[in-house]
Amino acid sequence: MARLPPTIAAVQAAVATELGVSLAVMTSETRVFGHAHPRQAAMAMALELTGRSSAVVAARFGGRDDSTIRYARIIVKSRRAADPELDRHLRRIEAFFSAAAPALPEELQPAFFDGPLFDFAGASA
């Protein structure tokens, strides 16, 4: 059975935790380097992993313009090619959310998997 696509909030939480920033950074208006780059990574990942439109993703990132989300996708692709550490972090997040991802050895489990990212309490079977 395939997994449902993750929510934008789950992607934000995963990227924030994996990259070591506060979740508040995801919707913050600050353009500080240490905040903007993780936020751009989360924007690009949310667009890729959730299947939502850039306008919907933009709304969940503090009401940004959807062109900001499209720019984030371009800039993160470039950064991933130039920064193997960033690429490794984002691959871990992709693997976690991938329906086809094989089980990772314990030492490679994403750091953000310390608690539930999904709330299935009210879901019917």
PDB file of N, CA and C in Angstrom:
ATOM      1  N   MET A   1       0.846  -1.181   0.000  1.00  0.00           N
ATOM      2  CA  MET A   1       0.000   0.000   0.000  1.00  0.00           C
ATOM      3  C   MET A   1       0.891   1.243   0.000  1.00  0.00           C
ATOM      4  N   ALA A   2       0.634   2.140  -0.892  1.00  0.00           N
ATOM      5  CA  ALA A   2       1.434   3.365  -1.002  1.00  0.00           C
ATOM      6  C   ALA A   2       1.054   4.344   0.102  1.00  0.00           C
ATOM      7  N   ARG A   3       2.046   5.084   0.531  1.00  0.00           N
ATOM      8  CA  ARG A   3       1.795   6.121   1.532  1.00  0.00           C
ATOM      9  C   ARG A   3       1.114   7.317   0.888  1.00  0.00           C
ATOM     10  N   LEU A   4       0.344   8.023   1.688  1.00  0.00           N
ATOM     11  CA  LEU A   4      -0.200   9.295   1.234  1.00  0.00           C
ATOM     12  C   LEU A   4       0.943  10.301   1.175  1.00  0.00           C
ATOM     13  N   PRO A   5       0.868  11.294   0.285  1.00  0.00           N
ATOM     14  CA  PRO A   5       1.920  12.310   0.268  1.00  0.00           C
ATOM     15  C   PRO A   5       1.977  13.014   1.625  1.00  0.00           C
ATOM     16  N   PRO A   6       3.171  13.414   2.031  1.00  0.00           N
ATOM     17  CA  PRO A   6       3.272  14.109   3.319  1.00  0.00           C
ATOM     18  C   PRO A   6       2.596  15.475   3.253  1.00  0.00           C
ATOM     19  N   THR A   7       2.258  16.001   4.390  1.00  0.00           N
ATOM     20  CA  THR A   7       1.713  17.349   4.443  1.00  0.00           C
ATOM     21  C   THR A   7       2.859  18.353   4.331  1.00  0.00           C
ATOM     22  N   ILE A   8       2.536  19.571   3.985  1.00  0.00           N
ATOM     23  CA  ILE A   8       3.543  20.632   3.933  1.00  0.00           C
ATOM     24  C   ILE A   8       4.131  20.835   5.323  1.00  0.00           C
ATOM     25  N   ALA A   9       3.282  20.770   6.346  1.00  0.00           N
ATOM     26  CA  ALA A   9       3.765  20.929   7.726  1.00  0.00           C
ATOM     27  C   ALA A   9       4.758  19.831   8.099  1.00  0.00           C
ATOM     28  N   ALA A  10       4.518  18.598   7.656  1.00  0.00           N
ATOM     29  CA  ALA A  10       5.446  17.499   7.954  1.00  0.00           C
ATOM     30  C   ALA A  10       6.784  17.727   7.270  1.00  0.00           C
ATOM     31  N   VAL A  11       6.761  18.230   6.039  1.00  0.00           N
ATOM     32  CA  VAL A  11       8.005  18.525   5.319  1.00  0.00           C
ATOM     33  C   VAL A  11       8.748  19.663   6.020  1.00  0.00           C
ATOM     34  N   GLN A  12       8.027  20.698   6.422  1.00  0.00           N
ATOM     35  CA  GLN A  12       8.661  21.805   7.147  1.00  0.00           C
ATOM     36  C   GLN A  12       9.345  21.295   8.417  1.00  0.00           C
ATOM     37  N   ALA A  13       8.643  20.465   9.179  1.00  0.00           N
ATOM     38  CA  ALA A  13       9.201  19.940  10.421  1.00  0.00           C
ATOM     39  C   ALA A  13      10.422  19.071  10.161  1.00  0.00           C
ATOM     40  N   ALA A  14      10.357  18.242   9.135  1.00  0.00           N
ATOM     41  CA  ALA A  14      11.479  17.361   8.810  1.00  0.00           C
ATOM     42  C   ALA A  14      12.708  18.159   8.396  1.00  0.00           C
ATOM     43  N   VAL A  15      12.524  19.148   7.528  1.00  0.00           N
ATOM     44  CA  VAL A  15      13.659  19.958   7.070  1.00  0.00           C
ATOM     45  C   VAL A  15      14.224  20.781   8.217  1.00  0.00           C
ATOM     46  N   ALA A  16      13.358  21.389   9.008  1.00  0.00           N
ATOM     47  CA  ALA A  16      13.829  22.201  10.141  1.00  0.00           C
ATOM     48  C   ALA A  16      14.672  21.358  11.089  1.00  0.00           C
ATOM     49  N   THR A  17      14.189  20.191  11.427  1.00  0.00           N
ATOM     50  CA  THR A  17      14.913  19.333  12.349  1.00  0.00           C
ATOM     51  C   THR A  17      16.203  18.812  11.728  1.00  0.00           C
ATOM     52  N   GLU A  18      16.121  18.343  10.510  1.00  0.00           N
ATOM     53  CA  GLU A  18      17.302  17.785   9.842  1.00  0.00           C
ATOM     54  C   GLU A  18      18.392  18.831   9.651  1.00  0.00           C
ATOM     55  N   LEU A  19      18.006  20.080   9.363  1.00  0.00           N
ATOM     56  CA  LEU A  19      18.993  21.138   9.126  1.00  0.00           C
ATOM     57  C   LEU A  19      19.297  21.952  10.392  1.00  0.00           C
ATOM     58  N   GLY A  20      18.671  21.595  11.499  1.00  0.00           N
ATOM     59  CA  GLY A  20      19.011  22.204  12.776  1.00  0.00           C
ATOM     60  C   GLY A  20      18.544  23.627  12.982  1.00  0.00           C
ATOM     61  N   VAL A  21      17.345  23.937  12.491  1.00  0.00           N
ATOM     62  CA  VAL A  21      16.774  25.267  12.705  1.00  0.00           C
ATOM     63  C   VAL A  21      15.403  25.127  13.358  1.00  0.00           C
ATOM     64  N   SER A  22      14.922  26.211  13.906  1.00  0.00           N
ATOM     65  CA  SER A  22      13.607  26.236  14.525  1.00  0.00           C
ATOM     66  C   SER A  22      12.517  26.113  13.461  1.00  0.00           C
ATOM     67  N   LEU A  23      11.426  25.477  13.822  1.00  0.00           N
ATOM     68  CA  LEU A  23      10.287  25.382  12.914  1.00  0.00           C
ATOM     69  C   LEU A  23       9.751  26.772  12.565  1.00  0.00           C
ATOM     70  N   ALA A  24       9.886  27.725  13.475  1.00  0.00           N
ATOM     71  CA  ALA A  24       9.419  29.096  13.232  1.00  0.00           C
ATOM     72  C   ALA A  24      10.134  29.748  12.053  1.00  0.00           C
ATOM     73  N   VAL A  25      11.337  29.286  11.737  1.00  0.00           N
ATOM     74  CA  VAL A  25      12.106  29.817  10.609  1.00  0.00           C
ATOM     75  C   VAL A  25      11.354  29.605   9.296  1.00  0.00           C
ATOM     76  N   MET A  26      10.557  28.553   9.227  1.00  0.00           N
ATOM     77  CA  MET A  26       9.877  28.206   7.979  1.00  0.00           C
ATOM     78  C   MET A  26       8.882  29.272   7.519  1.00  0.00           C
ATOM     79  N   THR A  27       8.302  29.986   8.462  1.00  0.00           N
ATOM     80  CA  THR A  27       7.329  31.017   8.081  1.00  0.00           C
ATOM     81  C   THR A  27       7.815  32.423   8.414  1.00  0.00           C
ATOM     82  N   SER A  28       9.024  32.516   8.911  1.00  0.00           N
ATOM     83  CA  SER A  28       9.609  33.793   9.299  1.00  0.00           C
ATOM     84  C   SER A  28       9.851  34.696   8.090  1.00  0.00           C
ATOM     85  N   GLU A  29       9.830  35.986   8.325  1.00  0.00           N
ATOM     86  CA  GLU A  29      10.108  36.948   7.256  1.00  0.00           C
ATOM     87  C   GLU A  29      11.591  37.268   7.118  1.00  0.00           C
ATOM     88  N   THR A  30      12.409  36.800   8.050  1.00  0.00           N
ATOM     89  CA  THR A  30      13.827  37.115   8.027  1.00  0.00           C
ATOM     90  C   THR A  30      14.528  36.550   6.790  1.00  0.00           C
ATOM     91  N   ARG A  31      15.524  37.267   6.324  1.00  0.00           N
ATOM     92  CA  ARG A  31      16.305  36.820   5.166  1.00  0.00           C
ATOM     93  C   ARG A  31      17.735  36.469   5.553  1.00  0.00           C
ATOM     94  N   VAL A  32      17.961  36.272   6.847  1.00  0.00           N
ATOM     95  CA  VAL A  32      19.274  35.883   7.351  1.00  0.00           C
ATOM     96  C   VAL A  32      19.679  34.581   6.667  1.00  0.00           C
ATOM     97  N   PHE A  33      20.955  34.502   6.246  1.00  0.00           N
ATOM     98  CA  PHE A  33      21.465  33.335   5.518  1.00  0.00           C
ATOM     99  C   PHE A  33      21.105  32.026   6.207  1.00  0.00           C
ATOM    100  N   GLY A  34      21.318  31.960   7.517  1.00  0.00           N
ATOM    101  CA  GLY A  34      21.050  30.730   8.259  1.00  0.00           C
ATOM    102  C   GLY A  34      19.583  30.357   8.337  1.00  0.00           C
ATOM    103  N   HIS A  35      18.707  31.264   7.979  1.00  0.00           N
ATOM    104  CA  HIS A  35      17.272  30.992   7.967  1.00  0.00           C
ATOM    105  C   HIS A  35      16.745  30.821   6.546  1.00  0.00           C
ATOM    106  N   ALA A  36      17.208  31.661   5.639  1.00  0.00           N
ATOM    107  CA  ALA A  36      16.687  31.647   4.270  1.00  0.00           C
ATOM    108  C   ALA A  36      17.007  30.336   3.554  1.00  0.00           C
ATOM    109  N   HIS A  37      18.216  29.824   3.718  1.00  0.00           N
ATOM    110  CA  HIS A  37      18.598  28.610   2.992  1.00  0.00           C
ATOM    111  C   HIS A  37      17.811  27.381   3.455  1.00  0.00           C
ATOM    112  N   PRO A  38      17.672  27.139   4.750  1.00  0.00           N
ATOM    113  CA  PRO A  38      16.826  26.011   5.162  1.00  0.00           C
ATOM    114  C   PRO A  38      15.366  26.192   4.726  1.00  0.00           C
ATOM    115  N   ARG A  39      14.869  27.418   4.781  1.00  0.00           N
ATOM    116  CA  ARG A  39      13.494  27.674   4.353  1.00  0.00           C
ATOM    117  C   ARG A  39      13.346  27.383   2.862  1.00  0.00           C
ATOM    118  N   GLN A  40      14.335  27.800   2.055  1.00  0.00           N
ATOM    119  CA  GLN A  40      14.275  27.512   0.620  1.00  0.00           C
ATOM    120  C   GLN A  40      14.316  26.005   0.374  1.00  0.00           C
ATOM    121  N   ALA A  41      15.127  25.297   1.147  1.00  0.00           N
ATOM    122  CA  ALA A  41      15.179  23.836   1.001  1.00  0.00           C
ATOM    123  C   ALA A  41      13.813  23.232   1.317  1.00  0.00           C
ATOM    124  N   ALA A  42      13.180  23.713   2.372  1.00  0.00           N
ATOM    125  CA  ALA A  42      11.860  23.203   2.746  1.00  0.00           C
ATOM    126  C   ALA A  42      10.816  23.535   1.680  1.00  0.00           C
ATOM    127  N   MET A  43      10.895  24.724   1.108  1.00  0.00           N
ATOM    128  CA  MET A  43       9.961  25.107   0.038  1.00  0.00           C
ATOM    129  C   MET A  43      10.096  24.158  -1.150  1.00  0.00           C
ATOM    130  N   ALA A  44      11.335  23.916  -1.568  1.00  0.00           N
ATOM    131  CA  ALA A  44      11.577  23.039  -2.711  1.00  0.00           C
ATOM    132  C   ALA A  44      11.118  21.616  -2.412  1.00  0.00           C
ATOM    133  N   MET A  45      11.423  21.142  -1.199  1.00  0.00           N
ATOM    134  CA  MET A  45      11.021  19.785  -0.822  1.00  0.00           C
ATOM    135  C   MET A  45       9.499  19.669  -0.730  1.00  0.00           C
ATOM    136  N   ALA A  46       8.853  20.688  -0.182  1.00  0.00           N
ATOM    137  CA  ALA A  46       7.389  20.656  -0.067  1.00  0.00           C
ATOM    138  C   ALA A  46       6.750  20.608  -1.453  1.00  0.00           C
ATOM    139  N   LEU A  47       7.282  21.390  -2.363  1.00  0.00           N
ATOM    140  CA  LEU A  47       6.746  21.397  -3.728  1.00  0.00           C
ATOM    141  C   LEU A  47       6.919  20.031  -4.369  1.00  0.00           C
ATOM    142  N   GLU A  48       8.083  19.440  -4.196  1.00  0.00           N
ATOM    143  CA  GLU A  48       8.394  18.148  -4.805  1.00  0.00           C
ATOM    144  C   GLU A  48       7.628  16.989  -4.163  1.00  0.00           C
ATOM    145  N   LEU A  49       7.589  16.957  -2.845  1.00  0.00           N
ATOM    146  CA  LEU A  49       7.069  15.782  -2.148  1.00  0.00           C
ATOM    147  C   LEU A  49       5.563  15.761  -1.932  1.00  0.00           C
ATOM    148  N   THR A  50       4.941  16.932  -1.857  1.00  0.00           N
ATOM    149  CA  THR A  50       3.510  16.954  -1.524  1.00  0.00           C
ATOM    150  C   THR A  50       2.605  16.930  -2.741  1.00  0.00           C
ATOM    151  N   GLY A  51       3.133  17.318  -3.885  1.00  0.00           N
ATOM    152  CA  GLY A  51       2.296  17.380  -5.080  1.00  0.00           C
ATOM    153  C   GLY A  51       1.367  18.587  -5.090  1.00  0.00           C
ATOM    154  N   ARG A  52       1.543  19.495  -4.152  1.00  0.00           N
ATOM    155  CA  ARG A  52       0.712  20.696  -4.081  1.00  0.00           C
ATOM    156  C   ARG A  52       1.259  21.757  -5.024  1.00  0.00           C
ATOM    157  N   SER A  53       0.443  22.704  -5.400  1.00  0.00           N
ATOM    158  CA  SER A  53       0.863  23.780  -6.305  1.00  0.00           C
ATOM    159  C   SER A  53       1.788  24.753  -5.582  1.00  0.00           C
ATOM    160  N   SER A  54       2.529  25.517  -6.362  1.00  0.00           N
ATOM    161  CA  SER A  54       3.425  26.503  -5.756  1.00  0.00           C
ATOM    162  C   SER A  54       2.635  27.550  -4.971  1.00  0.00           C
ATOM    163  N   ALA A  55       1.430  27.859  -5.386  1.00  0.00           N
ATOM    164  CA  ALA A  55       0.601  28.834  -4.663  1.00  0.00           C
ATOM    165  C   ALA A  55       0.202  28.298  -3.287  1.00  0.00           C
ATOM    166  N   VAL A  56      -0.155  27.020  -3.209  1.00  0.00           N
ATOM    167  CA  VAL A  56      -0.536  26.422  -1.932  1.00  0.00           C
ATOM    168  C   VAL A  56       0.684  26.341  -1.018  1.00  0.00           C
ATOM    169  N   VAL A  57       1.815  25.921  -1.571  1.00  0.00           N
ATOM    170  CA  VAL A  57       3.040  25.837  -0.775  1.00  0.00           C
ATOM    171  C   VAL A  57       3.412  27.229  -0.266  1.00  0.00           C
ATOM    172  N   ALA A  58       3.330  28.225  -1.131  1.00  0.00           N
ATOM    173  CA  ALA A  58       3.676  29.602  -0.751  1.00  0.00           C
ATOM    174  C   ALA A  58       2.825  30.085   0.417  1.00  0.00           C
ATOM    175  N   ALA A  59       1.553  29.756   0.398  1.00  0.00           N
ATOM    176  CA  ALA A  59       0.651  30.174   1.475  1.00  0.00           C
ATOM    177  C   ALA A  59       1.075  29.592   2.818  1.00  0.00           C
ATOM    178  N   ARG A  60       1.635  28.374   2.807  1.00  0.00           N
ATOM    179  CA  ARG A  60       2.052  27.707   4.049  1.00  0.00           C
ATOM    180  C   ARG A  60       3.429  28.175   4.533  1.00  0.00           C
ATOM    181  N   PHE A  61       4.093  28.975   3.735  1.00  0.00           N
ATOM    182  CA  PHE A  61       5.393  29.530   4.123  1.00  0.00           C
ATOM    183  C   PHE A  61       5.266  31.023   4.382  1.00  0.00           C
ATOM    184  N   GLY A  62       4.303  31.387   5.174  1.00  0.00           N
ATOM    185  CA  GLY A  62       4.133  32.770   5.573  1.00  0.00           C
ATOM    186  C   GLY A  62       3.494  33.654   4.522  1.00  0.00           C
ATOM    187  N   GLY A  63       2.749  33.055   3.609  1.00  0.00           N
ATOM    188  CA  GLY A  63       2.038  33.838   2.594  1.00  0.00           C
ATOM    189  C   GLY A  63       2.938  34.419   1.517  1.00  0.00           C
ATOM    190  N   ARG A  64       4.029  33.737   1.241  1.00  0.00           N
ATOM    191  CA  ARG A  64       4.944  34.223   0.207  1.00  0.00           C
ATOM    192  C   ARG A  64       4.311  34.110  -1.171  1.00  0.00           C
ATOM    193  N   ASP A  65       4.908  34.796  -2.120  1.00  0.00           N
ATOM    194  CA  ASP A  65       4.477  34.728  -3.514  1.00  0.00           C
ATOM    195  C   ASP A  65       4.885  33.369  -4.080  1.00  0.00           C
ATOM    196  N   ASP A  66       4.077  32.824  -4.970  1.00  0.00           N
ATOM    197  CA  ASP A  66       4.412  31.506  -5.515  1.00  0.00           C
ATOM    198  C   ASP A  66       5.679  31.518  -6.372  1.00  0.00           C
ATOM    199  N   SER A  67       6.078  32.686  -6.881  1.00  0.00           N
ATOM    200  CA  SER A  67       7.337  32.754  -7.630  1.00  0.00           C
ATOM    201  C   SER A  67       8.532  32.497  -6.705  1.00  0.00           C
ATOM    202  N   THR A  68       8.385  32.796  -5.421  1.00  0.00           N
ATOM    203  CA  THR A  68       9.433  32.513  -4.432  1.00  0.00           C
ATOM    204  C   THR A  68       9.643  31.012  -4.318  1.00  0.00           C
ATOM    205  N   ILE A  69       8.574  30.256  -4.386  1.00  0.00           N
ATOM    206  CA  ILE A  69       8.658  28.799  -4.296  1.00  0.00           C
ATOM    207  C   ILE A  69       9.343  28.233  -5.531  1.00  0.00           C
ATOM    208  N   ARG A  70       8.986  28.750  -6.688  1.00  0.00           N
ATOM    209  CA  ARG A  70       9.622  28.287  -7.928  1.00  0.00           C
ATOM    210  C   ARG A  70      11.108  28.634  -7.937  1.00  0.00           C
ATOM    211  N   TYR A  71      11.467  29.813  -7.429  1.00  0.00           N
ATOM    212  CA  TYR A  71      12.875  30.204  -7.331  1.00  0.00           C
ATOM    213  C   TYR A  71      13.611  29.269  -6.365  1.00  0.00           C
ATOM    214  N   ALA A  72      12.976  28.933  -5.253  1.00  0.00           N
ATOM    215  CA  ALA A  72      13.596  28.034  -4.276  1.00  0.00           C
ATOM    216  C   ALA A  72      13.921  26.690  -4.917  1.00  0.00           C
ATOM    217  N   ARG A  73      13.032  26.198  -5.752  1.00  0.00           N
ATOM    218  CA  ARG A  73      13.268  24.917  -6.423  1.00  0.00           C
ATOM    219  C   ARG A  73      14.530  24.990  -7.283  1.00  0.00           C
ATOM    220  N   ILE A  74      14.705  26.084  -7.998  1.00  0.00           N
ATOM    221  CA  ILE A  74      15.878  26.257  -8.872  1.00  0.00           C
ATOM    222  C   ILE A  74      17.156  26.391  -8.053  1.00  0.00           C
ATOM    223  N   ILE A  75      17.132  27.236  -7.034  1.00  0.00           N
ATOM    224  CA  ILE A  75      18.335  27.513  -6.247  1.00  0.00           C
ATOM    225  C   ILE A  75      18.749  26.297  -5.415  1.00  0.00           C
ATOM    226  N   VAL A  76      17.791  25.541  -4.896  1.00  0.00           N
ATOM    227  CA  VAL A  76      18.123  24.362  -4.101  1.00  0.00           C
ATOM    228  C   VAL A  76      18.724  23.278  -4.993  1.00  0.00           C
ATOM    229  N   LYS A  77      18.233  23.141  -6.189  1.00  0.00           N
ATOM    230  CA  LYS A  77      18.817  22.168  -7.127  1.00  0.00           C
ATOM    231  C   LYS A  77      20.293  22.497  -7.363  1.00  0.00           C
ATOM    232  N   SER A  78      20.593  23.767  -7.538  1.00  0.00           N
ATOM    233  CA  SER A  78      21.971  24.219  -7.747  1.00  0.00           C
ATOM    234  C   SER A  78      22.819  23.983  -6.505  1.00  0.00           C
ATOM    235  N   ARG A  79      22.275  24.311  -5.336  1.00  0.00           N
ATOM    236  CA  ARG A  79      23.022  24.125  -4.088  1.00  0.00           C
ATOM    237  C   ARG A  79      23.299  22.660  -3.804  1.00  0.00           C
ATOM    238  N   ARG A  80      22.329  21.814  -4.115  1.00  0.00           N
ATOM    239  CA  ARG A  80      22.524  20.375  -3.891  1.00  0.00           C
ATOM    240  C   ARG A  80      23.681  19.848  -4.725  1.00  0.00           C
ATOM    241  N   ALA A  81      23.795  20.333  -5.946  1.00  0.00           N
ATOM    242  CA  ALA A  81      24.874  19.890  -6.827  1.00  0.00           C
ATOM    243  C   ALA A  81      26.235  20.344  -6.299  1.00  0.00           C
ATOM    244  N   ALA A  82      26.265  21.497  -5.642  1.00  0.00           N
ATOM    245  CA  ALA A  82      27.526  22.073  -5.154  1.00  0.00           C
ATOM    246  C   ALA A  82      27.855  21.694  -3.710  1.00  0.00           C
ATOM    247  N   ASP A  83      26.873  21.208  -2.954  1.00  0.00           N
ATOM    248  CA  ASP A  83      27.069  20.962  -1.524  1.00  0.00           C
ATOM    249  C   ASP A  83      26.645  19.532  -1.175  1.00  0.00           C
ATOM    250  N   PRO A  84      27.600  18.602  -1.127  1.00  0.00           N
ATOM    251  CA  PRO A  84      27.246  17.209  -0.840  1.00  0.00           C
ATOM    252  C   PRO A  84      26.567  17.010   0.516  1.00  0.00           C
ATOM    253  N   GLU A  85      26.907  17.832   1.506  1.00  0.00           N
ATOM    254  CA  GLU A  85      26.280  17.693   2.819  1.00  0.00           C
ATOM    255  C   GLU A  85      24.795  18.049   2.756  1.00  0.00           C
ATOM    256  N   LEU A  86      24.455  19.154   2.074  1.00  0.00           N
ATOM    257  CA  LEU A  86      23.047  19.517   1.905  1.00  0.00           C
ATOM    258  C   LEU A  86      22.327  18.413   1.142  1.00  0.00           C
ATOM    259  N   ASP A  87      22.944  17.925   0.091  1.00  0.00           N
ATOM    260  CA  ASP A  87      22.332  16.861  -0.705  1.00  0.00           C
ATOM    261  C   ASP A  87      22.068  15.633   0.159  1.00  0.00           C
ATOM    262  N   ARG A  88      23.010  15.269   1.034  1.00  0.00           N
ATOM    263  CA  ARG A  88      22.838  14.118   1.923  1.00  0.00           C
ATOM    264  C   ARG A  88      21.644  14.335   2.864  1.00  0.00           C
ATOM    265  N   HIS A  89      21.544  15.533   3.447  1.00  0.00           N
ATOM    266  CA  HIS A  89      20.410  15.835   4.339  1.00  0.00           C
ATOM    267  C   HIS A  89      19.079  15.711   3.591  1.00  0.00           C
ATOM    268  N   LEU A  90      19.007  16.286   2.409  1.00  0.00           N
ATOM    269  CA  LEU A  90      17.748  16.271   1.667  1.00  0.00           C
ATOM    270  C   LEU A  90      17.407  14.876   1.156  1.00  0.00           C
ATOM    271  N   ARG A  91      18.412  14.081   0.830  1.00  0.00           N
ATOM    272  CA  ARG A  91      18.164  12.694   0.425  1.00  0.00           C
ATOM    273  C   ARG A  91      17.589  11.878   1.584  1.00  0.00           C
ATOM    274  N   ARG A  92      18.051  12.143   2.794  1.00  0.00           N
ATOM    275  CA  ARG A  92      17.504  11.448   3.961  1.00  0.00           C
ATOM    276  C   ARG A  92      16.024  11.773   4.127  1.00  0.00           C
ATOM    277  N   ILE A  93      15.685  13.031   3.923  1.00  0.00           N
ATOM    278  CA  ILE A  93      14.281  13.433   4.037  1.00  0.00           C
ATOM    279  C   ILE A  93      13.457  12.791   2.919  1.00  0.00           C
ATOM    280  N   GLU A  94      13.973  12.806   1.700  1.00  0.00           N
ATOM    281  CA  GLU A  94      13.276  12.170   0.574  1.00  0.00           C
ATOM    282  C   GLU A  94      13.065  10.681   0.834  1.00  0.00           C
ATOM    283  N   ALA A  95      14.085  10.027   1.347  1.00  0.00           N
ATOM    284  CA  ALA A  95      13.976   8.597   1.630  1.00  0.00           C
ATOM    285  C   ALA A  95      12.909   8.325   2.688  1.00  0.00           C
ATOM    286  N   PHE A  96      12.860   9.177   3.689  1.00  0.00           N
ATOM    287  CA  PHE A  96      11.863   9.002   4.741  1.00  0.00           C
ATOM    288  C   PHE A  96      10.444   9.092   4.191  1.00  0.00           C
ATOM    289  N   PHE A  97      10.217  10.041   3.314  1.00  0.00           N
ATOM    290  CA  PHE A  97       8.867  10.253   2.801  1.00  0.00           C
ATOM    291  C   PHE A  97       8.530   9.395   1.580  1.00  0.00           C
ATOM    292  N   SER A  98       9.495   8.708   1.036  1.00  0.00           N
ATOM    293  CA  SER A  98       9.277   7.916  -0.173  1.00  0.00           C
ATOM    294  C   SER A  98       8.537   6.622   0.141  1.00  0.00           C
ATOM    295  N   ALA A  99       7.533   6.331  -0.645  1.00  0.00           N
ATOM    296  CA  ALA A  99       6.779   5.088  -0.462  1.00  0.00           C
ATOM    297  C   ALA A  99       7.637   3.881  -0.799  1.00  0.00           C
ATOM    298  N   ALA A 100       8.606   4.060  -1.687  1.00  0.00           N
ATOM    299  CA  ALA A 100       9.447   2.951  -2.133  1.00  0.00           C
ATOM    300  C   ALA A 100      10.761   2.866  -1.364  1.00  0.00           C
ATOM    301  N   ALA A 101      10.931   3.691  -0.359  1.00  0.00           N
ATOM    302  CA  ALA A 101      12.205   3.729   0.365  1.00  0.00           C
ATOM    303  C   ALA A 101      12.413   2.438   1.147  1.00  0.00           C
ATOM    304  N   PRO A 102      13.593   1.832   0.981  1.00  0.00           N
ATOM    305  CA  PRO A 102      13.888   0.656   1.796  1.00  0.00           C
ATOM    306  C   PRO A 102      14.137   1.092   3.242  1.00  0.00           C
ATOM    307  N   ALA A 103      14.053   0.167   4.142  1.00  0.00           N
ATOM    308  CA  ALA A 103      14.337   0.476   5.545  1.00  0.00           C
ATOM    309  C   ALA A 103      15.793   0.896   5.667  1.00  0.00           C
ATOM    310  N   LEU A 104      16.016   1.991   6.372  1.00  0.00           N
ATOM    311  CA  LEU A 104      17.375   2.483   6.566  1.00  0.00           C
ATOM    312  C   LEU A 104      17.971   1.858   7.825  1.00  0.00           C
ATOM    313  N   PRO A 105      19.290   1.588   7.798  1.00  0.00           N
ATOM    314  CA  PRO A 105      19.930   1.128   9.030  1.00  0.00           C
ATOM    315  C   PRO A 105      19.739   2.173  10.128  1.00  0.00           C
ATOM    316  N   GLU A 106      19.716   1.738  11.382  1.00  0.00           N
ATOM    317  CA  GLU A 106      19.441   2.642  12.497  1.00  0.00           C
ATOM    318  C   GLU A 106      20.343   3.868  12.502  1.00  0.00           C
ATOM    319  N   GLU A 107      21.641   3.703  12.165  1.00  0.00           N
ATOM    320  CA  GLU A 107      22.565   4.828  12.199  1.00  0.00           C
ATOM    321  C   GLU A 107      22.280   5.862  11.105  1.00  0.00           C
ATOM    322  N   LEU A 108      21.478   5.490  10.119  1.00  0.00           N
ATOM    323  CA  LEU A 108      21.124   6.431   9.052  1.00  0.00           C
ATOM    324  C   LEU A 108      19.712   6.971   9.167  1.00  0.00           C
ATOM    325  N   GLN A 109      18.998   6.571  10.223  1.00  0.00           N
ATOM    326  CA  GLN A 109      17.641   7.067  10.403  1.00  0.00           C
ATOM    327  C   GLN A 109      17.673   8.588  10.526  1.00  0.00           C
ATOM    328  N   PRO A 110      16.747   9.284   9.873  1.00  0.00           N
ATOM    329  CA  PRO A 110      16.719  10.744   9.969  1.00  0.00           C
ATOM    330  C   PRO A 110      16.591  11.215  11.415  1.00  0.00           C
ATOM    331  N   ALA A 111      17.307  12.268  11.717  1.00  0.00           N
ATOM    332  CA  ALA A 111      17.301  12.818  13.074  1.00  0.00           C
ATOM    333  C   ALA A 111      15.918  13.322  13.478  1.00  0.00           C
ATOM    334  N   PHE A 112      15.094  13.686  12.511  1.00  0.00           N
ATOM    335  CA  PHE A 112      13.794  14.266  12.824  1.00  0.00           C
ATOM    336  C   PHE A 112      12.767  13.206  13.198  1.00  0.00           C
ATOM    337  N   PHE A 113      13.102  11.940  13.108  1.00  0.00           N
ATOM    338  CA  PHE A 113      12.127  10.890  13.387  1.00  0.00           C
ATOM    339  C   PHE A 113      12.122  10.521  14.865  1.00  0.00           C
ATOM    340  N   ASP A 114      12.003  11.531  15.707  1.00  0.00           N
ATOM    341  CA  ASP A 114      11.937  11.318  17.143  1.00  0.00           C
ATOM    342  C   ASP A 114      10.501  11.251  17.636  1.00  0.00           C
ATOM    343  N   GLY A 115       9.570  11.588  16.789  1.00  0.00           N
ATOM    344  CA  GLY A 115       8.172  11.577  17.186  1.00  0.00           C
ATOM    345  C   GLY A 115       7.300  11.510  15.951  1.00  0.00           C
ATOM    346  N   PRO A 116       6.006  11.418  16.118  1.00  0.00           N
ATOM    347  CA  PRO A 116       5.112  11.263  14.970  1.00  0.00           C
ATOM    348  C   PRO A 116       5.018  12.534  14.131  1.00  0.00           C
ATOM    349  N   LEU A 117       5.087  12.354  12.820  1.00  0.00           N
ATOM    350  CA  LEU A 117       4.897  13.480  11.902  1.00  0.00           C
ATOM    351  C   LEU A 117       3.469  13.465  11.354  1.00  0.00           C
ATOM    352  N   PHE A 118       2.767  12.379  11.591  1.00  0.00           N
ATOM    353  CA  PHE A 118       1.414  12.263  11.108  1.00  0.00           C
ATOM    354  C   PHE A 118       0.505  11.932  12.278  1.00  0.00           C
ATOM    355  N   ASP A 119      -0.708  12.411  12.234  1.00  0.00           N
ATOM    356  CA  ASP A 119      -1.660  12.136  13.296  1.00  0.00           C
ATOM    357  C   ASP A 119      -2.770  11.279  12.723  1.00  0.00           C
ATOM    358  N   PHE A 120      -2.723  10.001  13.024  1.00  0.00           N
ATOM    359  CA  PHE A 120      -3.731   9.092  12.503  1.00  0.00           C
ATOM    360  C   PHE A 120      -4.807   8.767  13.533  1.00  0.00           C
ATOM    361  N   ALA A 121      -4.808   9.471  14.645  1.00  0.00           N
ATOM    362  CA  ALA A 121      -5.731   9.178  15.746  1.00  0.00           C
ATOM    363  C   ALA A 121      -7.181   9.215  15.306  1.00  0.00           C
ATOM    364  N   GLY A 122      -7.524  10.153  14.449  1.00  0.00           N
ATOM    365  CA  GLY A 122      -8.920  10.283  14.037  1.00  0.00           C
ATOM    366  C   GLY A 122      -9.225   9.606  12.721  1.00  0.00           C
ATOM    367  N   ALA A 123      -8.255   8.923  12.129  1.00  0.00           N
ATOM    368  CA  ALA A 123      -8.458   8.296  10.821  1.00  0.00           C
ATOM    369  C   ALA A 123      -9.262   7.014  10.977  1.00  0.00           C
ATOM    370  N   SER A 124     -10.151   6.789  10.019  1.00  0.00           N
ATOM    371  CA  SER A 124     -10.911   5.531  10.031  1.00  0.00           C
ATOM    372  C   SER A 124     -10.211   4.521   9.123  1.00  0.00           C
ATOM    373  N   ALA A 125     -10.312   3.280   9.449  1.00  0.00           N
ATOM    374  CA  ALA A 125      -9.608   2.232   8.704  1.00  0.00           C
ATOM    375  C   ALA A 125     -10.399   1.780   7.518  1.00  0.00           C
TER     376      ALA A 125
END
